[in-house]
């Protein structure tokens, strides 16, 4: 799925909004490895969006890179997959279990990185589920800056443990 396809297939008119507390309650990642401050337009098994603000004092900026800090590409991949995982997680009827559902990344395809994410930047991730059968699925995701410009994109394959 192309960048434009993800944008066209992502609906801003449907879905549920989730706060950071909601996210902490339903999924397994915790700070400092949770790259969602909030989620929006989450539709079970269909789509999910999220927003995250990279604070200037985030310790990774001290080492990546000291004189030109930026978010590592691996973190961008993680952000997109965490957001993609919300759609299948939200399909679970009882999210009150003490065992958090896990969605495992099994493959990344066609990842591209068009722009840097710098300190004090807010970004949005939009993810669309492109295929789902049983516990296996595929998604496409993009990262946008606050002006809606494409920062990064990738296609994912995943496995759900629930």
N, C-alpha and C. Protein backbone atom coordinates (compact mmCIF):
# COMPACT_ATOMS: atom_id res chain seq x y z
N UNK A 1 0.85 -1.17 0.00
CA UNK A 1 0.00 0.00 0.00
C UNK A 1 0.90 1.24 0.00
N UNK A 2 0.60 2.18 -0.84
CA UNK A 2 1.41 3.39 -0.94
C UNK A 2 1.07 4.38 0.18
N UNK A 3 1.92 5.37 0.33
CA UNK A 3 1.69 6.44 1.30
C UNK A 3 0.33 7.08 1.06
N UNK A 4 0.04 7.40 -0.19
CA UNK A 4 -1.25 8.03 -0.52
C UNK A 4 -2.43 7.12 -0.20
N UNK A 5 -2.26 5.81 -0.41
CA UNK A 5 -3.33 4.86 -0.10
C UNK A 5 -3.64 4.84 1.39
N UNK A 6 -2.60 4.87 2.22
CA UNK A 6 -2.83 4.89 3.67
C UNK A 6 -3.61 6.14 4.05
N UNK A 7 -3.19 7.28 3.53
CA UNK A 7 -3.87 8.53 3.84
C UNK A 7 -5.32 8.48 3.36
N UNK A 8 -5.56 7.96 2.16
CA UNK A 8 -6.93 7.89 1.62
C UNK A 8 -7.80 6.89 2.37
N UNK A 9 -7.23 5.79 2.81
CA UNK A 9 -8.02 4.74 3.47
C UNK A 9 -8.19 4.97 4.98
N UNK A 10 -7.48 5.92 5.55
CA UNK A 10 -7.60 6.23 6.97
C UNK A 10 -8.73 7.23 7.15
N UNK A 11 -9.75 6.85 7.91
CA UNK A 11 -10.89 7.73 8.11
C UNK A 11 -10.76 8.52 9.41
N UNK A 12 -10.88 9.82 9.29
CA UNK A 12 -10.86 10.70 10.46
C UNK A 12 -12.26 10.89 11.04
N UNK A 13 -13.25 10.21 10.46
CA UNK A 13 -14.65 10.38 10.87
C UNK A 13 -15.17 9.26 11.76
N UNK A 14 -14.36 8.25 12.01
CA UNK A 14 -14.82 7.10 12.79
C UNK A 14 -13.78 6.75 13.85
N UNK A 15 -14.18 5.91 14.79
CA UNK A 15 -13.24 5.35 15.75
C UNK A 15 -13.25 6.00 17.11
N UNK A 16 -12.47 5.40 17.97
CA UNK A 16 -12.39 5.77 19.38
C UNK A 16 -11.10 6.54 19.66
N UNK A 17 -11.18 7.46 20.60
CA UNK A 17 -10.00 8.17 21.08
C UNK A 17 -9.54 7.54 22.38
N UNK A 18 -8.24 7.45 22.56
CA UNK A 18 -7.67 6.86 23.78
C UNK A 18 -6.64 7.81 24.38
N UNK A 19 -6.70 7.97 25.69
CA UNK A 19 -5.71 8.78 26.40
C UNK A 19 -4.47 7.94 26.68
N UNK A 20 -3.43 8.57 27.18
CA UNK A 20 -2.22 7.82 27.54
C UNK A 20 -2.55 6.78 28.62
N UNK A 21 -3.40 7.13 29.58
CA UNK A 21 -3.79 6.16 30.61
C UNK A 21 -4.53 4.98 30.01
N UNK A 22 -5.39 5.23 29.03
CA UNK A 22 -6.07 4.13 28.33
C UNK A 22 -5.05 3.22 27.67
N UNK A 23 -4.07 3.83 27.00
CA UNK A 23 -3.03 3.06 26.30
C UNK A 23 -2.23 2.21 27.28
N UNK A 24 -1.88 2.79 28.41
CA UNK A 24 -1.12 2.05 29.42
C UNK A 24 -1.92 0.88 29.97
N UNK A 25 -3.23 1.02 30.00
CA UNK A 25 -4.11 -0.03 30.52
C UNK A 25 -4.26 -1.21 29.55
N UNK A 26 -4.24 -0.93 28.24
CA UNK A 26 -4.57 -2.00 27.29
C UNK A 26 -3.39 -2.64 26.58
N UNK A 27 -2.24 -1.99 26.59
CA UNK A 27 -1.13 -2.59 25.86
C UNK A 27 0.11 -2.69 26.74
N UNK A 28 1.07 -3.48 26.33
CA UNK A 28 2.16 -3.89 27.20
C UNK A 28 3.34 -2.91 27.29
N UNK A 29 3.55 -2.07 26.31
CA UNK A 29 4.70 -1.15 26.36
C UNK A 29 4.48 -0.07 27.42
N UNK A 30 5.53 0.25 28.12
CA UNK A 30 5.52 1.30 29.14
C UNK A 30 6.63 2.30 28.84
N UNK A 31 6.57 3.44 29.47
CA UNK A 31 7.64 4.43 29.34
C UNK A 31 8.95 3.83 29.82
N UNK A 32 10.05 4.09 29.19
CA UNK A 32 10.24 5.05 28.10
C UNK A 32 10.05 4.44 26.71
N UNK A 33 9.47 3.25 26.61
CA UNK A 33 9.34 2.61 25.31
C UNK A 33 7.92 2.62 24.77
N UNK A 34 7.09 3.50 25.28
CA UNK A 34 5.76 3.71 24.72
C UNK A 34 5.82 5.00 23.91
N UNK A 35 5.62 4.89 22.61
CA UNK A 35 5.74 6.04 21.72
C UNK A 35 4.38 6.51 21.21
N UNK A 36 3.44 6.62 22.17
CA UNK A 36 2.12 7.18 21.90
C UNK A 36 1.70 7.97 23.13
N UNK A 37 1.38 9.23 22.94
CA UNK A 37 0.81 10.04 24.02
C UNK A 37 -0.70 9.89 24.05
N UNK A 38 -1.28 9.67 22.88
CA UNK A 38 -2.72 9.47 22.74
C UNK A 38 -2.97 8.72 21.44
N UNK A 39 -4.15 8.19 21.32
CA UNK A 39 -4.55 7.50 20.09
C UNK A 39 -5.88 8.07 19.63
N UNK A 40 -6.12 7.99 18.33
CA UNK A 40 -7.36 8.54 17.78
C UNK A 40 -7.82 7.69 16.60
N UNK A 41 -9.10 7.76 16.34
CA UNK A 41 -9.71 7.05 15.21
C UNK A 41 -9.36 5.57 15.20
N UNK A 42 -9.39 4.96 16.40
CA UNK A 42 -9.06 3.54 16.53
C UNK A 42 -10.33 2.74 16.27
N UNK A 43 -10.25 1.88 15.27
CA UNK A 43 -11.35 0.99 14.90
C UNK A 43 -10.82 -0.43 14.94
N UNK A 44 -11.43 -1.31 15.75
CA UNK A 44 -10.93 -2.69 15.85
C UNK A 44 -10.73 -3.34 14.48
N UNK A 45 -9.55 -3.93 14.32
CA UNK A 45 -9.17 -4.67 13.11
C UNK A 45 -9.22 -3.86 11.83
N UNK A 46 -9.21 -2.53 11.94
CA UNK A 46 -9.32 -1.70 10.74
C UNK A 46 -8.25 -0.61 10.66
N UNK A 47 -8.14 0.22 11.70
CA UNK A 47 -7.21 1.34 11.64
C UNK A 47 -6.92 1.87 13.04
N UNK A 48 -5.84 2.65 13.14
CA UNK A 48 -5.53 3.35 14.39
C UNK A 48 -4.59 4.51 14.06
N UNK A 49 -4.75 5.58 14.82
CA UNK A 49 -3.86 6.72 14.72
C UNK A 49 -3.32 7.04 16.09
N UNK A 50 -2.17 7.71 16.14
CA UNK A 50 -1.60 8.12 17.43
C UNK A 50 -0.81 9.40 17.25
N UNK A 51 -0.53 10.04 18.38
CA UNK A 51 0.32 11.23 18.40
C UNK A 51 1.37 11.04 19.49
N UNK A 52 2.54 11.63 19.24
CA UNK A 52 3.62 11.57 20.22
C UNK A 52 4.47 12.82 20.09
N UNK A 53 4.89 13.35 21.23
CA UNK A 53 5.76 14.52 21.29
C UNK A 53 7.13 14.09 21.81
N UNK A 54 8.18 14.35 21.03
CA UNK A 54 9.55 14.02 21.43
C UNK A 54 10.15 15.21 22.17
N UNK A 55 10.21 15.09 23.49
CA UNK A 55 10.73 16.16 24.33
C UNK A 55 12.23 16.36 24.08
N UNK A 56 12.63 17.59 24.16
CA UNK A 56 14.03 17.96 23.94
C UNK A 56 14.99 17.25 24.89
N UNK A 57 14.53 16.92 26.10
CA UNK A 57 15.42 16.31 27.10
C UNK A 57 15.42 14.79 27.07
N UNK A 58 14.80 14.18 26.03
CA UNK A 58 14.82 12.72 25.90
C UNK A 58 16.27 12.26 25.81
N UNK A 59 16.67 11.31 26.64
CA UNK A 59 18.08 10.93 26.74
C UNK A 59 18.68 10.39 25.45
N UNK A 60 17.89 9.86 24.55
CA UNK A 60 18.44 9.34 23.30
C UNK A 60 19.05 10.46 22.46
N UNK A 61 18.54 11.68 22.62
CA UNK A 61 19.08 12.80 21.85
C UNK A 61 20.51 13.14 22.26
N UNK A 62 20.94 12.70 23.46
CA UNK A 62 22.31 12.93 23.88
C UNK A 62 23.31 12.07 23.11
N UNK A 63 22.84 10.96 22.56
CA UNK A 63 23.76 10.02 21.91
C UNK A 63 23.44 9.80 20.43
N UNK A 64 22.29 10.25 19.97
CA UNK A 64 21.90 10.02 18.57
C UNK A 64 21.42 11.32 17.94
N UNK A 65 22.15 12.11 17.44
CA UNK A 65 23.60 12.24 17.51
C UNK A 65 23.91 13.48 18.32
N UNK A 66 25.00 13.48 19.03
CA UNK A 66 25.30 14.55 19.99
C UNK A 66 25.20 15.95 19.38
N UNK A 67 25.74 16.14 18.20
CA UNK A 67 25.74 17.47 17.59
C UNK A 67 24.60 17.69 16.60
N UNK A 68 23.84 16.65 16.31
CA UNK A 68 22.70 16.75 15.40
C UNK A 68 21.64 15.75 15.83
N UNK A 69 21.00 15.98 16.99
CA UNK A 69 20.06 14.99 17.53
C UNK A 69 18.85 14.77 16.64
N UNK A 70 18.48 13.47 16.55
CA UNK A 70 17.29 13.09 15.80
C UNK A 70 16.80 11.74 16.30
N UNK A 71 15.54 11.44 16.01
CA UNK A 71 14.94 10.17 16.39
C UNK A 71 15.50 9.07 15.49
N UNK A 72 15.98 7.97 16.07
CA UNK A 72 16.49 6.86 15.25
C UNK A 72 15.38 6.23 14.40
N UNK A 73 15.76 5.73 13.23
CA UNK A 73 14.81 5.06 12.34
C UNK A 73 14.16 3.87 13.04
N UNK A 74 14.91 3.18 13.89
CA UNK A 74 14.34 2.01 14.59
C UNK A 74 13.18 2.43 15.51
N UNK A 75 13.25 3.60 16.08
CA UNK A 75 12.16 4.11 16.92
C UNK A 75 10.96 4.47 16.05
N UNK A 76 11.22 5.01 14.85
CA UNK A 76 10.11 5.31 13.93
C UNK A 76 9.37 4.02 13.56
N UNK A 77 10.12 2.95 13.29
CA UNK A 77 9.50 1.65 13.00
C UNK A 77 8.66 1.20 14.20
N UNK A 78 9.22 1.31 15.40
CA UNK A 78 8.50 0.91 16.62
C UNK A 78 7.22 1.73 16.79
N UNK A 79 7.29 3.03 16.55
CA UNK A 79 6.10 3.88 16.67
C UNK A 79 4.98 3.41 15.74
N UNK A 80 5.36 3.13 14.49
CA UNK A 80 4.36 2.70 13.52
C UNK A 80 3.76 1.34 13.91
N UNK A 81 4.60 0.43 14.40
CA UNK A 81 4.09 -0.89 14.78
C UNK A 81 3.23 -0.81 16.04
N UNK A 82 3.63 0.00 17.02
CA UNK A 82 2.80 0.15 18.22
C UNK A 82 1.41 0.66 17.85
N UNK A 83 1.35 1.60 16.94
CA UNK A 83 0.06 2.13 16.51
C UNK A 83 -0.71 1.08 15.73
N UNK A 84 -0.03 0.37 14.83
CA UNK A 84 -0.69 -0.70 14.06
C UNK A 84 -1.29 -1.76 14.98
N UNK A 85 -0.61 -2.05 16.08
CA UNK A 85 -1.07 -3.09 17.01
C UNK A 85 -2.37 -2.72 17.73
N UNK A 86 -2.67 -1.44 17.82
CA UNK A 86 -3.90 -1.03 18.52
C UNK A 86 -5.16 -1.59 17.87
N UNK A 87 -5.20 -1.64 16.55
CA UNK A 87 -6.43 -2.10 15.88
C UNK A 87 -6.78 -3.55 16.24
N UNK A 88 -5.83 -4.50 16.17
CA UNK A 88 -6.21 -5.85 16.61
C UNK A 88 -6.42 -5.96 18.12
N UNK A 89 -5.66 -5.21 18.91
CA UNK A 89 -5.84 -5.26 20.37
C UNK A 89 -7.25 -4.80 20.75
N UNK A 90 -7.74 -3.77 20.09
CA UNK A 90 -9.07 -3.24 20.42
C UNK A 90 -10.20 -4.18 20.00
N UNK A 91 -9.89 -5.24 19.26
CA UNK A 91 -10.92 -6.22 18.90
C UNK A 91 -11.22 -7.18 20.04
N UNK A 92 -10.38 -7.18 21.07
CA UNK A 92 -10.58 -8.06 22.22
C UNK A 92 -11.74 -7.51 23.05
N UNK A 93 -12.67 -8.35 23.37
CA UNK A 93 -13.87 -7.90 24.10
C UNK A 93 -13.57 -7.54 25.55
N UNK A 94 -12.68 -8.29 26.20
CA UNK A 94 -12.37 -8.04 27.61
C UNK A 94 -10.92 -7.63 27.75
N UNK A 95 -10.67 -6.33 27.78
CA UNK A 95 -9.32 -5.82 27.93
C UNK A 95 -8.96 -5.60 29.40
N UNK A 96 -9.76 -6.13 30.31
CA UNK A 96 -9.50 -5.91 31.74
C UNK A 96 -8.63 -7.01 32.34
N UNK A 97 -8.19 -7.95 31.55
CA UNK A 97 -7.33 -9.02 32.03
C UNK A 97 -6.01 -8.44 32.53
N UNK A 98 -5.39 -9.12 33.50
CA UNK A 98 -4.08 -8.66 33.98
C UNK A 98 -2.98 -8.97 32.98
N UNK A 99 -3.24 -9.88 32.05
CA UNK A 99 -2.27 -10.22 31.01
C UNK A 99 -2.55 -9.36 29.77
N UNK A 100 -1.60 -8.51 29.44
CA UNK A 100 -1.77 -7.61 28.29
C UNK A 100 -1.62 -8.40 26.99
N UNK A 101 -2.49 -8.13 26.03
CA UNK A 101 -2.35 -8.79 24.73
C UNK A 101 -1.07 -8.30 24.05
N UNK A 102 -0.41 -9.18 23.34
CA UNK A 102 0.81 -8.83 22.63
C UNK A 102 0.63 -9.02 21.13
N UNK A 103 1.17 -8.10 20.38
CA UNK A 103 1.21 -8.20 18.93
C UNK A 103 2.68 -8.17 18.57
N UNK A 104 3.14 -9.23 17.93
CA UNK A 104 4.56 -9.37 17.61
C UNK A 104 4.82 -8.99 16.16
N UNK A 105 5.79 -8.15 15.94
CA UNK A 105 6.24 -7.79 14.61
C UNK A 105 6.98 -8.98 14.01
N UNK A 106 6.60 -9.39 12.80
CA UNK A 106 7.29 -10.51 12.15
C UNK A 106 8.03 -10.09 10.89
N UNK A 107 7.65 -8.93 10.32
CA UNK A 107 8.32 -8.50 9.09
C UNK A 107 8.07 -7.01 8.86
N UNK A 108 9.08 -6.34 8.32
CA UNK A 108 8.96 -4.94 7.90
C UNK A 108 9.35 -4.89 6.43
N UNK A 109 8.51 -4.28 5.61
CA UNK A 109 8.79 -4.17 4.17
C UNK A 109 8.65 -2.73 3.72
N UNK A 110 9.42 -2.38 2.72
CA UNK A 110 9.31 -1.08 2.05
C UNK A 110 9.34 0.11 3.00
N UNK A 111 10.16 0.03 4.02
CA UNK A 111 10.30 1.18 4.93
C UNK A 111 11.07 2.29 4.22
N UNK A 112 10.60 3.50 4.41
CA UNK A 112 11.33 4.65 3.86
C UNK A 112 11.27 5.79 4.88
N UNK A 113 12.32 6.58 4.87
CA UNK A 113 12.48 7.68 5.82
C UNK A 113 12.80 8.92 5.02
N UNK A 114 11.82 9.82 4.93
CA UNK A 114 11.93 11.00 4.06
C UNK A 114 12.46 12.24 4.80
N UNK A 115 12.15 12.32 6.09
CA UNK A 115 12.52 13.50 6.89
C UNK A 115 13.02 13.05 8.25
N UNK A 116 13.73 13.92 8.93
CA UNK A 116 14.18 13.67 10.30
C UNK A 116 13.08 14.07 11.27
N UNK A 117 13.06 13.42 12.43
CA UNK A 117 12.25 13.89 13.55
C UNK A 117 13.22 14.46 14.55
N UNK A 118 13.09 15.73 14.85
CA UNK A 118 14.01 16.46 15.71
C UNK A 118 13.43 16.64 17.11
N UNK A 119 14.28 17.00 18.07
CA UNK A 119 13.77 17.29 19.42
C UNK A 119 12.66 18.35 19.38
N UNK A 120 11.74 18.24 20.31
CA UNK A 120 10.59 19.14 20.43
C UNK A 120 9.68 19.08 19.21
N UNK A 121 9.52 17.88 18.66
CA UNK A 121 8.63 17.67 17.51
C UNK A 121 7.46 16.78 17.91
N UNK A 122 6.28 17.15 17.42
CA UNK A 122 5.11 16.28 17.57
C UNK A 122 4.84 15.63 16.21
N UNK A 123 4.56 14.34 16.25
CA UNK A 123 4.25 13.61 15.02
C UNK A 123 2.96 12.82 15.20
N UNK A 124 2.39 12.45 14.07
CA UNK A 124 1.19 11.62 14.06
C UNK A 124 1.49 10.37 13.26
N UNK A 125 1.00 9.24 13.74
CA UNK A 125 1.09 7.98 13.01
C UNK A 125 -0.32 7.59 12.60
N UNK A 126 -0.46 7.15 11.35
CA UNK A 126 -1.72 6.60 10.86
C UNK A 126 -1.43 5.21 10.33
N UNK A 127 -2.23 4.25 10.76
CA UNK A 127 -2.04 2.87 10.36
C UNK A 127 -3.36 2.28 9.88
N UNK A 128 -3.27 1.49 8.82
CA UNK A 128 -4.43 0.82 8.25
C UNK A 128 -4.11 -0.67 8.17
N UNK A 129 -5.03 -1.50 8.70
CA UNK A 129 -4.88 -2.95 8.56
C UNK A 129 -5.24 -3.31 7.12
N UNK A 130 -4.33 -3.99 6.44
CA UNK A 130 -4.55 -4.33 5.03
C UNK A 130 -4.96 -5.78 4.82
N UNK A 131 -4.72 -6.63 5.81
CA UNK A 131 -5.08 -8.04 5.71
C UNK A 131 -5.08 -8.62 7.11
N UNK A 132 -6.05 -9.47 7.41
CA UNK A 132 -6.14 -10.10 8.73
C UNK A 132 -6.78 -11.47 8.57
N UNK A 133 -6.11 -12.49 9.08
CA UNK A 133 -6.67 -13.84 9.06
C UNK A 133 -6.23 -14.54 10.32
N UNK A 134 -7.21 -14.82 11.19
CA UNK A 134 -6.89 -15.45 12.46
C UNK A 134 -5.96 -14.56 13.28
N UNK A 135 -4.82 -15.13 13.66
CA UNK A 135 -3.87 -14.39 14.50
C UNK A 135 -2.81 -13.65 13.69
N UNK A 136 -2.90 -13.69 12.37
CA UNK A 136 -1.89 -13.08 11.51
C UNK A 136 -2.48 -11.86 10.80
N UNK A 137 -1.65 -10.86 10.57
CA UNK A 137 -2.14 -9.67 9.89
C UNK A 137 -1.05 -8.90 9.22
N UNK A 138 -1.49 -7.92 8.42
CA UNK A 138 -0.59 -6.99 7.74
C UNK A 138 -1.16 -5.59 7.91
N UNK A 139 -0.26 -4.62 7.97
CA UNK A 139 -0.69 -3.23 8.06
C UNK A 139 0.29 -2.36 7.28
N UNK A 140 -0.18 -1.17 6.97
CA UNK A 140 0.67 -0.13 6.39
C UNK A 140 0.51 1.09 7.28
N UNK A 141 1.63 1.79 7.49
CA UNK A 141 1.59 2.94 8.39
C UNK A 141 2.47 4.07 7.86
N UNK A 142 2.11 5.27 8.27
CA UNK A 142 2.89 6.46 7.92
C UNK A 142 3.08 7.31 9.17
N UNK A 143 4.17 8.06 9.18
CA UNK A 143 4.38 9.09 10.19
C UNK A 143 4.31 10.43 9.47
N UNK A 144 3.50 11.33 10.03
CA UNK A 144 3.32 12.66 9.47
C UNK A 144 3.80 13.71 10.45
N UNK A 145 4.32 14.83 9.94
CA UNK A 145 4.62 15.94 10.83
C UNK A 145 3.33 16.74 11.06
N UNK A 146 3.40 17.80 11.84
CA UNK A 146 2.18 18.54 12.19
C UNK A 146 1.55 19.25 10.99
N UNK A 147 2.32 19.38 9.90
CA UNK A 147 1.76 19.97 8.68
C UNK A 147 1.23 18.90 7.72
N UNK A 148 1.27 17.63 8.15
CA UNK A 148 0.75 16.55 7.33
C UNK A 148 1.73 16.01 6.30
N UNK A 149 3.00 16.41 6.40
CA UNK A 149 4.01 15.92 5.45
C UNK A 149 4.51 14.54 5.87
N UNK A 150 4.79 13.71 4.88
CA UNK A 150 5.28 12.35 5.08
C UNK A 150 6.71 12.38 5.63
N UNK A 151 6.88 11.80 6.81
CA UNK A 151 8.20 11.63 7.40
C UNK A 151 8.72 10.24 7.11
N UNK A 152 7.86 9.23 7.30
CA UNK A 152 8.27 7.85 7.14
C UNK A 152 7.05 6.99 6.83
N UNK A 153 7.33 5.80 6.27
CA UNK A 153 6.26 4.84 6.00
C UNK A 153 6.85 3.45 6.01
N UNK A 154 5.99 2.46 6.23
CA UNK A 154 6.43 1.06 6.19
C UNK A 154 5.22 0.15 6.14
N UNK A 155 5.45 -1.07 5.66
CA UNK A 155 4.45 -2.13 5.69
C UNK A 155 4.91 -3.16 6.72
N UNK A 156 3.97 -3.73 7.44
CA UNK A 156 4.28 -4.66 8.53
C UNK A 156 3.49 -5.96 8.36
N UNK A 157 4.08 -7.04 8.87
CA UNK A 157 3.36 -8.27 9.11
C UNK A 157 3.47 -8.54 10.60
N UNK A 158 2.41 -9.09 11.19
CA UNK A 158 2.41 -9.29 12.64
C UNK A 158 1.66 -10.55 13.02
N UNK A 159 1.87 -10.95 14.27
CA UNK A 159 1.22 -12.11 14.86
C UNK A 159 0.65 -11.69 16.20
N UNK A 160 -0.61 -12.03 16.46
CA UNK A 160 -1.26 -11.71 17.74
C UNK A 160 -1.23 -12.94 18.65
N UNK A 161 -0.93 -12.75 19.92
CA UNK A 161 -0.88 -13.89 20.85
C UNK A 161 -2.20 -14.11 21.58
N UNK A 162 -3.28 -13.56 21.10
CA UNK A 162 -4.57 -13.70 21.78
C UNK A 162 -5.58 -14.34 20.88
